[in-house]
Structure formats: structure tokens, C-alpha cells
Amino acid sequence: MAGILAGLARFGLGKLENMEVYEAPKKTEAGEAVAKPKTQTLQEQDFLFDKSCTCPICDKEFKARTVKVGKAKLSGSDLDLRPRYEQIDMLKYDVIMCPFCGYAALSRFFKFVTAPQARNIKKMISETFQPQKETKEVYTYDEALERYKLTLANAIVKQAKSSERAYICLKTAWLLRGKAERLDKNLPDYEEQKKQCAEEENEFLHNALDGFIAARQSENFPMCGMDEPTVDYLIAVTAMRFEQYEVAGKMIAGIMQSATNPRMKDKTRDLKEMLMAKVKEKNAGGK
């Protein structure tokens, strides 16, 4: 299977495709509903506009495709908090990429770059980056995924906090899930594409889990705009997905003791019941 950053060669950054997401990967102890397609009264481009941006690395101005505030309607969320919107997947437009120097980041992080980080990006990204022409009204999932991978490469190069890298991995996994849900079932290689999406999603989720666990041990809250119960909930859900039940149980117990948000407590109770069922099933299978 290709590396997690496969595809960066298109930007002239093939040398970065084999980078590790974290400097020293550590072994840790520590039901998704698909919305039925609705009759579309608006096109995807109707939710978007061109936002003016100034790159903090090269100081050049460019336009970034951005979702209009309040335009998209939230239809629900997955167990791991992935938001689902009607008629558009907003995740496709959360990356801001400078088409001149290759600097890319999630919108919440784009403006915040230190001098040492800028030097690293110029040396490792900008020197070989192939300038891009931004002519698309909308992005395909594959185009959005390329932008997310470039964002992760930038985060690694600038030695971003583990929480930022984890958050990028989480959102990339969500994007892959969205791609899988919208694959054309009439494609001759539909099953193969769906399988590949699932494998890539799991790889990014594994990296998100490792990153959030590392961040929880070394960083302060909030992380990426999330409070401690939310991060712990994400850790619990993802750990449970990979059968790291002890980690999930520990996080769930902590949330139940510390969370003050009634909605978060309710979601955590539901998660606890799911965890107990999975543990029971695993124990029964081992007999």
C-alpha cells in the first residue's frame, strides 16, 4: 500500500511522500449512518466564494475557495463527530493552499507560522514546489485529498504540535469516508476503490489516535478548538474502532467524571454501552 502522503509528486514534492507523521511513533496502551441523497436545489458552487488570502510564507495574495458562513445545513454527525452537511461536504474546503509556494494548512492554523517554521517550509516545500493554477469552481474528493496530504506534509516539515498533525489526520480520514459514501456503484472498480478508501481512512485514523494520545500527555487544552472531554471522546471512539478497549475505557471513565456538558455525557454513556457490548463479544469469542 502506498504511503500516507502518496500523491505529493504532483506538486513536485515526491521526496516528501515517505515522511513519518510523528518523529517517534509510540505504541500506546492507552455505526456510521450514510445520509440518503436529497433532491438538490443548489449546486456545490452555490455554497462557495473566493476568499482573499495573503500567504505568511511568501507574502503573495491569492484566492481560496471557501464555504459561505451559514449557507450549508448540518444534517447530522457520525459516532466520531464527523459533521455531515446537506448538499456539500465542507471538509473538502477546509484547507488553504498557497498556489505559489506550496504552504498549506487547515483554515484555523493558516495564519499562525513562526519564523523557524517558515524557514523549514521554504527549504523543504517551496524550493521544489510546482506552482498551481487555481481554476476549479469545486474540488473533487481526490483533489481535496491531495490538498490535505500537502497540509500534513507542511505540518510535519514545520514540526507542528502533535495535536495539529492529529487533527489533520482525523479530518483526512473523514474526507476519505465521504469519498467512499459518494462513490458511483456502477464503476467497474467500485469495490476496489471502496476498499482502498477504507484502508486509507484506517491509516489516517491510526495516526490521529497516536497523535491525540501524545498531545494529551504534552499539550494544554484547548486543542484545535476542542476541550478535554471532546478530545478524550475522540480518543475513546477511535481506540474502540481498533479494539484498544483499555484505552477507550479509561477515556470514557474520565469523561463521565469531568464533563459538564449534558450532551457530551449522553454521547459518552452511549459509547460506554457500545464498548461493553464489544468487550463482551470479544470475551465470548475467546472462550
Protein backbone atom coordinates (compact mmCIF):
# COMPACT_ATOMS: atom_id res chain seq x y z
CA MET A 1 0.00 0.00 0.00
CA ALA A 2 1.26 3.49 -0.85
CA GLY A 3 2.49 5.76 1.94
CA ILE A 4 0.15 8.11 3.75
CA LEU A 5 1.49 11.08 1.75
CA ALA A 6 1.39 9.37 -1.65
CA GLY A 7 0.41 11.85 -4.36
CA LEU A 8 2.63 14.77 -3.40
CA ALA A 9 4.72 14.18 -6.52
CA ARG A 10 2.11 16.17 -8.44
CA PHE A 11 3.27 19.25 -6.54
CA GLY A 12 6.94 18.47 -7.20
CA LEU A 13 7.32 17.09 -3.67
CA GLY A 14 7.79 13.38 -4.30
CA LYS A 15 10.75 13.36 -1.89
CA LEU A 16 8.35 14.02 0.99
CA GLU A 17 5.98 11.12 0.29
CA ASN A 18 7.77 8.77 2.72
CA MET A 19 7.92 11.11 5.72
CA GLU A 20 6.66 9.78 9.04
CA VAL A 21 3.80 11.77 10.55
CA TYR A 22 5.38 11.82 14.02
CA GLU A 23 9.08 11.85 14.89
CA ALA A 24 8.94 8.80 17.15
CA PRO A 25 5.77 6.72 16.72
CA LYS A 26 4.86 5.12 20.03
CA LYS A 27 2.87 2.00 20.81
CA THR A 28 0.02 3.07 23.02
CA GLU A 29 -1.80 1.24 25.74
CA ALA A 30 -3.75 3.71 26.25
CA GLY A 31 -22.07 2.75 13.12
CA GLU A 32 -21.84 5.43 10.80
CA ALA A 33 -25.03 6.46 9.13
CA VAL A 34 -24.96 7.40 5.46
CA ALA A 35 -27.33 10.21 4.66
CA LYS A 36 -29.73 9.48 1.85
CA PRO A 37 -29.20 11.83 -1.09
CA LYS A 38 -31.81 14.54 -1.29
CA THR A 39 -33.14 16.39 -4.27
CA GLN A 40 -30.60 19.08 -4.99
CA THR A 41 -31.92 22.57 -5.46
CA LEU A 42 -28.46 24.13 -5.27
CA GLN A 43 -25.17 23.21 -6.89
CA GLU A 44 -21.98 22.80 -4.85
CA GLN A 45 -20.52 26.01 -6.25
CA ASP A 46 -23.51 27.93 -4.90
CA PHE A 47 -22.18 27.34 -1.38
CA LEU A 48 -18.71 28.71 -2.19
CA PHE A 49 -16.95 32.02 -2.68
CA ASP A 50 -13.39 33.18 -3.27
CA LYS A 51 -11.76 34.42 -0.08
CA SER A 52 -8.73 36.72 -0.39
CA CYS A 53 -5.68 35.40 1.46
CA THR A 54 -2.10 36.55 1.97
CA CYS A 55 0.46 33.79 2.36
CA PRO A 56 2.51 34.14 5.58
CA ILE A 57 5.43 32.38 3.87
CA CYS A 58 5.83 34.19 0.53
CA ASP A 59 3.57 37.23 1.18
CA LYS A 60 1.73 36.74 -2.12
CA GLU A 61 -2.02 37.22 -2.39
CA PHE A 62 -4.36 34.58 -3.79
CA LYS A 63 -7.96 33.43 -3.68
CA ALA A 64 -9.12 30.39 -1.71
CA ARG A 65 -12.39 28.57 -2.30
CA THR A 66 -14.36 28.83 0.94
CA VAL A 67 -17.80 27.78 2.12
CA LYS A 68 -20.16 30.68 2.81
CA VAL A 69 -20.87 31.05 6.53
CA GLY A 70 -24.30 29.72 7.43
CA LYS A 71 -25.04 28.54 3.89
CA ALA A 72 -24.68 24.79 4.44
CA LYS A 73 -27.16 22.98 6.68
CA LEU A 74 -25.90 20.42 9.17
CA SER A 75 -27.76 17.13 8.76
CA GLY A 76 -26.07 15.10 11.49
CA SER A 77 -22.78 13.64 12.66
CA ASP A 78 -21.05 10.28 12.88
CA LEU A 79 -20.06 8.49 16.06
CA ASP A 80 -16.60 10.11 15.92
CA LEU A 81 -18.12 13.61 15.48
CA ARG A 82 -17.57 13.89 11.74
CA PRO A 83 -20.12 16.52 10.62
CA ARG A 84 -22.41 15.83 7.67
CA TYR A 85 -23.99 18.64 5.70
CA GLU A 86 -26.73 18.64 3.13
CA GLN A 87 -25.63 19.07 -0.50
CA ILE A 88 -21.94 19.75 0.22
CA ASP A 89 -19.05 18.17 2.08
CA MET A 90 -17.50 21.17 3.82
CA LEU A 91 -14.38 19.17 4.65
CA LYS A 92 -13.28 19.50 1.02
CA TYR A 93 -12.77 23.23 1.52
CA ASP A 94 -11.08 23.47 4.93
CA VAL A 95 -7.55 23.55 3.51
CA ILE A 96 -6.00 26.84 2.40
CA MET A 97 -3.11 26.31 -0.02
CA CYS A 98 -0.82 28.97 -1.43
CA PRO A 99 -0.54 28.16 -5.15
CA PHE A 100 2.79 29.97 -5.37
CA CYS A 101 4.98 28.46 -2.61
CA GLY A 102 3.09 25.33 -1.54
CA TYR A 103 2.36 26.35 2.03
CA ALA A 104 -0.90 24.68 3.10
CA ALA A 105 -2.76 24.45 6.39
CA LEU A 106 -6.22 23.95 7.78
CA SER A 107 -8.03 27.28 7.83
CA ARG A 108 -7.77 27.66 11.62
CA PHE A 109 -3.96 27.34 11.50
CA PHE A 110 -3.11 29.11 8.22
CA LYS A 111 -2.04 32.48 9.61
CA PHE A 112 -0.01 31.15 12.52
CA VAL A 113 3.55 30.38 11.44
CA THR A 114 6.73 31.10 13.39
CA ALA A 115 9.96 32.28 11.73
CA PRO A 116 11.70 28.89 12.18
CA GLN A 117 8.64 27.13 10.74
CA ALA A 118 8.63 29.46 7.73
CA ARG A 119 12.31 28.70 7.09
CA ASN A 120 11.64 24.96 7.17
CA ILE A 121 8.72 25.28 4.77
CA LYS A 122 10.70 27.41 2.33
CA LYS A 123 13.55 24.90 2.35
CA MET A 124 11.58 21.64 2.31
CA ILE A 125 8.44 22.64 0.40
CA SER A 126 8.78 25.89 -1.56
CA GLU A 127 12.14 25.17 -3.21
CA THR A 128 10.73 22.31 -5.28
CA PHE A 129 7.01 23.12 -5.24
CA GLN A 130 5.41 23.39 -8.67
CA PRO A 131 3.08 26.42 -8.74
CA GLN A 132 -0.57 25.55 -9.27
CA LYS A 133 -3.27 27.32 -11.24
CA GLU A 134 -6.44 27.59 -9.18
CA THR A 135 -9.15 27.39 -11.82
CA LYS A 136 -11.62 24.92 -10.31
CA GLU A 137 -15.04 26.07 -9.14
CA VAL A 138 -15.35 22.94 -6.99
CA TYR A 139 -12.91 20.26 -5.84
CA THR A 140 -13.27 16.56 -6.44
CA TYR A 141 -12.55 14.31 -3.47
CA ASP A 142 -9.22 13.30 -5.00
CA GLU A 143 -8.22 16.95 -5.41
CA ALA A 144 -9.25 17.70 -1.83
CA LEU A 145 -7.26 14.69 -0.59
CA GLU A 146 -4.15 15.94 -2.38
CA ARG A 147 -4.54 19.26 -0.57
CA TYR A 148 -4.93 17.54 2.80
CA LYS A 149 -1.81 15.45 2.20
CA LEU A 150 0.12 18.60 1.31
CA THR A 151 -1.21 20.14 4.53
CA LEU A 152 0.05 17.17 6.54
CA ALA A 153 3.43 17.39 4.82
CA ASN A 154 3.65 21.07 5.79
CA ALA A 155 2.73 20.23 9.38
CA ILE A 156 5.46 17.60 9.55
CA VAL A 157 8.05 19.89 7.96
CA LYS A 158 7.25 22.82 10.26
CA GLN A 159 7.29 20.47 13.28
CA ALA A 160 3.74 21.35 14.26
CA LYS A 161 2.30 20.15 17.55
CA SER A 162 1.08 16.57 17.71
CA SER A 163 -2.47 17.84 18.14
CA GLU A 164 -2.36 19.75 14.84
CA ARG A 165 -0.99 16.75 12.97
CA ALA A 166 -3.59 14.50 14.60
CA TYR A 167 -6.40 16.88 13.70
CA ILE A 168 -5.27 16.93 10.05
CA CYS A 169 -5.18 13.12 10.03
CA LEU A 170 -8.65 12.95 11.58
CA LYS A 171 -10.18 15.31 9.03
CA THR A 172 -8.42 13.48 6.18
CA ALA A 173 -9.96 10.23 7.42
CA TRP A 174 -13.38 11.90 7.47
CA LEU A 175 -12.81 13.12 3.92
CA LEU A 176 -11.99 9.59 2.76
CA ARG A 177 -15.18 8.37 4.40
CA GLY A 178 -17.13 10.97 2.47
CA LYS A 179 -15.46 9.89 -0.75
CA ALA A 180 -16.38 6.25 -0.11
CA GLU A 181 -20.00 7.15 0.59
CA ARG A 182 -20.31 9.00 -2.69
CA LEU A 183 -18.57 6.52 -4.99
CA ASP A 184 -20.57 5.57 -8.05
CA LYS A 185 -21.68 1.97 -7.51
CA ASN A 186 -21.74 1.47 -11.28
CA LEU A 187 -17.98 1.93 -11.57
CA PRO A 188 -16.26 -1.27 -12.72
CA ASP A 189 -13.73 -0.98 -9.88
CA TYR A 190 -16.25 0.23 -7.27
CA GLU A 191 -15.39 -2.47 -4.71
CA GLU A 192 -11.66 -1.91 -5.11
CA GLN A 193 -12.00 1.87 -4.70
CA LYS A 194 -14.22 1.42 -1.66
CA LYS A 195 -11.70 -0.96 -0.10
CA GLN A 196 -8.85 1.45 -0.78
CA CYS A 197 -10.78 4.31 0.83
CA ALA A 198 -11.41 2.18 3.93
CA GLU A 199 -7.74 1.20 4.20
CA GLU A 200 -6.57 4.81 3.84
CA GLU A 201 -9.19 6.01 6.32
CA ASN A 202 -7.96 3.49 8.90
CA GLU A 203 -4.35 4.55 8.33
CA PHE A 204 -5.16 8.20 8.93
CA LEU A 205 -7.31 7.34 11.96
CA HIS A 206 -4.45 5.33 13.45
CA ASN A 207 -2.19 8.37 13.09
CA ALA A 208 -4.88 10.62 14.55
CA LEU A 209 -5.21 8.33 17.57
CA ASP A 210 -1.44 8.23 18.17
CA GLY A 211 -1.21 12.00 17.81
CA PHE A 212 -4.04 12.86 20.16
CA ILE A 213 -2.71 10.47 22.81
CA ALA A 214 0.75 12.06 22.52
CA ALA A 215 -0.75 15.57 22.60
CA ARG A 216 -2.82 14.77 25.67
CA GLN A 217 0.38 13.92 27.54
CA SER A 218 2.34 17.01 26.49
CA GLU A 219 -0.02 19.84 25.48
CA ASN A 220 -2.54 22.08 27.17
CA PHE A 221 -6.22 22.42 26.38
CA PRO A 222 -7.98 23.54 24.30
CA MET A 223 -6.51 21.60 21.37
CA CYS A 224 -7.54 22.65 17.87
CA GLY A 225 -10.51 24.41 19.42
CA MET A 226 -11.57 21.31 21.38
CA ASP A 227 -11.84 20.94 25.14
CA GLU A 228 -10.53 17.95 27.10
CA PRO A 229 -13.77 15.88 27.10
CA THR A 230 -14.08 16.24 23.32
CA VAL A 231 -10.50 15.12 22.69
CA ASP A 232 -10.91 12.24 25.14
CA TYR A 233 -14.14 11.24 23.41
CA LEU A 234 -12.37 11.19 20.02
CA ILE A 235 -9.60 9.06 21.53
CA ALA A 236 -12.17 6.67 23.02
CA VAL A 237 -14.13 6.27 19.79
CA THR A 238 -11.04 5.74 17.67
CA ALA A 239 -9.39 3.41 20.18
CA MET A 240 -12.57 1.32 20.27
CA ARG A 241 -12.54 1.10 16.48
CA PHE A 242 -9.10 -0.52 16.66
CA GLU A 243 -10.02 -2.76 19.61
CA GLN A 244 -7.87 -0.81 22.07
CA TYR A 245 -10.57 -1.30 24.66
CA GLU A 246 -8.49 -0.43 27.72
CA VAL A 247 -7.65 2.98 26.26
CA ALA A 248 -11.28 3.55 25.33
CA GLY A 249 -12.47 2.56 28.80
CA LYS A 250 -10.02 4.87 30.52
CA MET A 251 -11.07 7.83 28.40
CA ILE A 252 -14.77 7.12 28.91
CA ALA A 253 -14.35 6.93 32.68
CA GLY A 254 -12.52 10.26 32.69
CA ILE A 255 -15.22 11.98 30.64
CA MET A 256 -18.00 10.72 32.90
CA GLN A 257 -16.18 12.18 35.91
CA SER A 258 -15.18 15.55 34.45
CA ALA A 259 -17.57 16.53 31.64
CA THR A 260 -20.13 19.22 32.46
CA ASN A 261 -21.83 19.26 29.06
CA PRO A 262 -25.00 17.11 29.31
CA ARG A 263 -24.90 16.27 25.61
CA MET A 264 -21.32 15.04 25.83
CA LYS A 265 -22.21 12.92 28.86
CA ASP A 266 -25.13 11.37 26.97
CA LYS A 267 -22.94 10.55 23.97
CA THR A 268 -20.33 9.07 26.30
CA ARG A 269 -22.93 6.88 28.03
CA ASP A 270 -23.96 5.54 24.64
CA LEU A 271 -20.32 4.92 23.80
CA LYS A 272 -19.83 3.09 27.09
CA GLU A 273 -22.69 0.73 26.26
CA MET A 274 -21.16 0.05 22.85
CA LEU A 275 -17.79 -0.62 24.46
CA MET A 276 -19.27 -3.05 26.97
CA ALA A 277 -21.03 -4.91 24.16
CA LYS A 278 -17.83 -5.17 22.14
CA VAL A 279 -15.80 -6.38 25.13
CA LYS A 280 -18.47 -8.96 25.92
CA GLU A 281 -18.49 -10.14 22.33
CA LYS A 282 -14.70 -10.41 22.27
CA ASN A 283 -14.61 -12.37 25.53
CA ALA A 284 -17.33 -14.70 24.31
CA GLY A 285 -15.39 -15.34 21.13
CA GLY A 286 -12.28 -16.18 23.07
CA LYS A 287 -13.88 -18.97 25.03
